[in-house]
């Protein structure tokens, strides 16, 4: 009797991870993880971790290398505020006013304005660099 594909026994798969440095895949249980400061990070779902990025590495040496990269990267408050604004504008109900945006982000109006200026300047610089 022939077995159909759907009846074939399935190989047990264990979760795998991807190293943020070398892109190697490895078993989840071997992962070295930790948070690094990153002003571009405002994860959806938990603003407690705003400004922190969870990184995963295949070993302690690669984790330290990733950590060092982020340590050298400047932490820019306006970048963090822009990330929080992006999260607020792309999740949940629409934001219709500056007051609503301030409530959703926890930012003051002056911080929102500085974040917008930072974001627009960054876009202008990127456009000048594109051929």
C-alpha atoms as a PDB file:
ATOM      1  CA  UNK A   1       0.000   0.000   0.000  1.00  0.00           C
ATOM      2  CA  UNK A   2       1.393   3.399  -0.955  1.00  0.00           C
ATOM      3  CA  UNK A   3       1.270   6.252   1.489  1.00  0.00           C
ATOM      4  CA  UNK A   4       0.105   9.646   0.460  1.00  0.00           C
ATOM      5  CA  UNK A   5       2.294  12.624   1.341  1.00  0.00           C
ATOM      6  CA  UNK A   6      -0.122  13.846   3.936  1.00  0.00           C
ATOM      7  CA  UNK A   7      -0.013  10.428   5.636  1.00  0.00           C
ATOM      8  CA  UNK A   8       3.792  10.278   5.687  1.00  0.00           C
ATOM      9  CA  UNK A   9       5.365  10.630   9.110  1.00  0.00           C
ATOM     10  CA  UNK A  10       6.652  14.122   9.696  1.00  0.00           C
ATOM     11  CA  UNK A  11      10.164  14.742  10.851  1.00  0.00           C
ATOM     12  CA  UNK A  12      10.292  16.416  14.213  1.00  0.00           C
ATOM     13  CA  UNK A  13      11.535  19.933  13.713  1.00  0.00           C
ATOM     14  CA  UNK A  14      13.086  21.920  16.469  1.00  0.00           C
ATOM     15  CA  UNK A  15      12.997  25.710  16.394  1.00  0.00           C
ATOM     16  CA  UNK A  16      16.011  27.333  14.811  1.00  0.00           C
ATOM     17  CA  UNK A  17      17.481  30.792  15.257  1.00  0.00           C
ATOM     18  CA  UNK A  18      19.466  33.090  13.007  1.00  0.00           C
ATOM     19  CA  UNK A  19      22.640  34.813  14.180  1.00  0.00           C
ATOM     20  CA  UNK A  20      22.425  38.597  13.869  1.00  0.00           C
ATOM     21  CA  UNK A  21      26.137  38.719  13.008  1.00  0.00           C
ATOM     22  CA  UNK A  22      26.929  35.842  10.649  1.00  0.00           C
ATOM     23  CA  UNK A  23      23.391  34.763   9.629  1.00  0.00           C
ATOM     24  CA  UNK A  24      24.114  31.148  10.556  1.00  0.00           C
ATOM     25  CA  UNK A  25      21.145  29.060  11.631  1.00  0.00           C
ATOM     26  CA  UNK A  26      21.421  27.027  14.809  1.00  0.00           C
ATOM     27  CA  UNK A  27      19.162  25.341  17.391  1.00  0.00           C
ATOM     28  CA  UNK A  28      17.096  27.741  19.480  1.00  0.00           C
ATOM     29  CA  UNK A  29      18.521  26.300  22.679  1.00  0.00           C
ATOM     30  CA  UNK A  30      22.052  27.372  21.720  1.00  0.00           C
ATOM     31  CA  UNK A  31      21.125  31.039  21.226  1.00  0.00           C
ATOM     32  CA  UNK A  32      22.814  33.814  23.171  1.00  0.00           C
ATOM     33  CA  UNK A  33      20.360  36.695  23.527  1.00  0.00           C
ATOM     34  CA  UNK A  34      20.376  40.093  25.099  1.00  0.00           C
ATOM     35  CA  UNK A  35      19.191  43.658  24.738  1.00  0.00           C
ATOM     36  CA  UNK A  36      21.306  46.432  23.278  1.00  0.00           C
ATOM     37  CA  UNK A  37      20.558  50.173  23.174  1.00  0.00           C
ATOM     38  CA  UNK A  38      19.090  51.164  19.796  1.00  0.00           C
ATOM     39  CA  UNK A  39      17.265  54.441  19.278  1.00  0.00           C
ATOM     40  CA  UNK A  40      15.540  53.090  16.148  1.00  0.00           C
ATOM     41  CA  UNK A  41      13.758  50.351  18.098  1.00  0.00           C
ATOM     42  CA  UNK A  42      10.171  50.780  19.285  1.00  0.00           C
ATOM     43  CA  UNK A  43       8.706  47.276  19.163  1.00  0.00           C
ATOM     44  CA  UNK A  44       4.973  46.867  18.717  1.00  0.00           C
ATOM     45  CA  UNK A  45       3.163  45.571  21.734  1.00  0.00           C
ATOM     46  CA  UNK A  46       5.396  46.659  24.592  1.00  0.00           C
ATOM     47  CA  UNK A  47       6.704  50.192  24.973  1.00  0.00           C
ATOM     48  CA  UNK A  48       8.703  49.055  28.012  1.00  0.00           C
ATOM     49  CA  UNK A  49      11.444  48.022  25.558  1.00  0.00           C
ATOM     50  CA  UNK A  50      11.508  51.246  23.518  1.00  0.00           C
ATOM     51  CA  UNK A  51      15.115  52.092  22.738  1.00  0.00           C
ATOM     52  CA  UNK A  52      16.247  48.500  23.263  1.00  0.00           C
ATOM     53  CA  UNK A  53      16.719  45.831  20.604  1.00  0.00           C
ATOM     54  CA  UNK A  54      16.758  42.112  21.328  1.00  0.00           C
ATOM     55  CA  UNK A  55      19.679  40.538  19.491  1.00  0.00           C
ATOM     56  CA  UNK A  56      20.406  36.869  18.943  1.00  0.00           C
ATOM     57  CA  UNK A  57      23.777  35.290  18.301  1.00  0.00           C
ATOM     58  CA  UNK A  58      25.148  31.802  17.715  1.00  0.00           C
ATOM     59  CA  UNK A  59      27.670  32.162  20.521  1.00  0.00           C
ATOM     60  CA  UNK A  60      29.083  34.516  23.099  1.00  0.00           C
ATOM     61  CA  UNK A  61      31.792  35.893  20.769  1.00  0.00           C
ATOM     62  CA  UNK A  62      29.255  36.874  18.114  1.00  0.00           C
ATOM     63  CA  UNK A  63      26.942  38.347  20.746  1.00  0.00           C
ATOM     64  CA  UNK A  64      29.789  40.546  22.008  1.00  0.00           C
ATOM     65  CA  UNK A  65      30.577  41.637  18.430  1.00  0.00           C
ATOM     66  CA  UNK A  66      26.942  42.632  17.798  1.00  0.00           C
ATOM     67  CA  UNK A  67      26.814  44.390  21.158  1.00  0.00           C
ATOM     68  CA  UNK A  68      29.960  46.353  20.277  1.00  0.00           C
ATOM     69  CA  UNK A  69      28.442  47.470  16.946  1.00  0.00           C
ATOM     70  CA  UNK A  70      25.426  48.886  18.742  1.00  0.00           C
ATOM     71  CA  UNK A  71      27.611  50.450  21.424  1.00  0.00           C
ATOM     72  CA  UNK A  72      29.364  52.492  18.719  1.00  0.00           C
ATOM     73  CA  UNK A  73      26.083  53.564  17.114  1.00  0.00           C
ATOM     74  CA  UNK A  74      24.891  56.933  18.408  1.00  0.00           C
ATOM     75  CA  UNK A  75      21.673  56.915  20.422  1.00  0.00           C
ATOM     76  CA  UNK A  76      19.559  59.758  19.001  1.00  0.00           C
ATOM     77  CA  UNK A  77      16.509  60.758  21.045  1.00  0.00           C
ATOM     78  CA  UNK A  78      14.708  62.134  17.971  1.00  0.00           C
ATOM     79  CA  UNK A  79      15.156  58.793  16.202  1.00  0.00           C
ATOM     80  CA  UNK A  80      13.522  56.994  19.126  1.00  0.00           C
ATOM     81  CA  UNK A  81      10.675  59.503  19.162  1.00  0.00           C
ATOM     82  CA  UNK A  82      10.200  59.038  15.402  1.00  0.00           C
ATOM     83  CA  UNK A  83      10.047  55.258  15.912  1.00  0.00           C
ATOM     84  CA  UNK A  84       7.395  55.705  18.620  1.00  0.00           C
ATOM     85  CA  UNK A  85       5.390  57.975  16.310  1.00  0.00           C
ATOM     86  CA  UNK A  86       5.628  55.445  13.475  1.00  0.00           C
ATOM     87  CA  UNK A  87       4.380  52.712  15.794  1.00  0.00           C
ATOM     88  CA  UNK A  88       1.440  54.879  16.908  1.00  0.00           C
ATOM     89  CA  UNK A  89       0.521  55.771  13.324  1.00  0.00           C
ATOM     90  CA  UNK A  90       0.726  52.191  12.020  1.00  0.00           C
ATOM     91  CA  UNK A  91      -1.042  50.329  14.836  1.00  0.00           C
ATOM     92  CA  UNK A  92      -4.394  50.771  16.504  1.00  0.00           C
ATOM     93  CA  UNK A  93      -7.029  53.351  15.612  1.00  0.00           C
ATOM     94  CA  UNK A  94      -6.118  56.334  13.450  1.00  0.00           C
ATOM     95  CA  UNK A  95      -4.567  59.341  15.159  1.00  0.00           C
ATOM     96  CA  UNK A  96      -6.389  62.514  14.174  1.00  0.00           C
ATOM     97  CA  UNK A  97      -4.622  65.213  16.154  1.00  0.00           C
ATOM     98  CA  UNK A  98      -1.326  66.164  17.730  1.00  0.00           C
ATOM     99  CA  UNK A  99      -2.940  65.767  21.166  1.00  0.00           C
ATOM    100  CA  UNK A 100      -3.997  62.203  20.331  1.00  0.00           C
ATOM    101  CA  UNK A 101      -0.530  61.434  18.999  1.00  0.00           C
ATOM    102  CA  UNK A 102       1.015  62.789  22.196  1.00  0.00           C
ATOM    103  CA  UNK A 103      -1.303  60.597  24.271  1.00  0.00           C
ATOM    104  CA  UNK A 104      -0.517  57.482  22.225  1.00  0.00           C
ATOM    105  CA  UNK A 105       3.252  58.019  22.257  1.00  0.00           C
ATOM    106  CA  UNK A 106       3.800  59.585  25.657  1.00  0.00           C
ATOM    107  CA  UNK A 107       5.722  62.385  23.939  1.00  0.00           C
ATOM    108  CA  UNK A 108       5.341  66.122  24.374  1.00  0.00           C
ATOM    109  CA  UNK A 109       4.383  68.257  21.387  1.00  0.00           C
ATOM    110  CA  UNK A 110       7.914  69.679  21.195  1.00  0.00           C
ATOM    111  CA  UNK A 111       9.376  66.157  21.040  1.00  0.00           C
ATOM    112  CA  UNK A 112       6.961  65.205  18.263  1.00  0.00           C
ATOM    113  CA  UNK A 113       7.942  68.278  16.273  1.00  0.00           C
ATOM    114  CA  UNK A 114      11.675  67.578  16.760  1.00  0.00           C
ATOM    115  CA  UNK A 115      11.133  63.948  15.680  1.00  0.00           C
ATOM    116  CA  UNK A 116       9.365  65.071  12.501  1.00  0.00           C
ATOM    117  CA  UNK A 117      12.173  67.509  11.689  1.00  0.00           C
ATOM    118  CA  UNK A 118      14.765  64.760  12.310  1.00  0.00           C
ATOM    119  CA  UNK A 119      12.850  62.296  10.135  1.00  0.00           C
ATOM    120  CA  UNK A 120      12.408  64.759   7.254  1.00  0.00           C
ATOM    121  CA  UNK A 121      16.075  65.760   7.343  1.00  0.00           C
ATOM    122  CA  UNK A 122      17.103  62.103   7.256  1.00  0.00           C
ATOM    123  CA  UNK A 123      14.891  61.525   4.212  1.00  0.00           C
ATOM    124  CA  UNK A 124      16.413  64.544   2.438  1.00  0.00           C
ATOM    125  CA  UNK A 125      19.944  63.259   3.100  1.00  0.00           C
ATOM    126  CA  UNK A 126      19.053  59.783   1.825  1.00  0.00           C
ATOM    127  CA  UNK A 127      17.550  61.208  -1.360  1.00  0.00           C
ATOM    128  CA  UNK A 128      20.704  63.226  -2.041  1.00  0.00           C
ATOM    129  CA  UNK A 129      22.781  60.057  -1.715  1.00  0.00           C
ATOM    130  CA  UNK A 130      20.657  58.034  -4.182  1.00  0.00           C
ATOM    131  CA  UNK A 131      21.870  58.158  -7.796  1.00  0.00           C
END
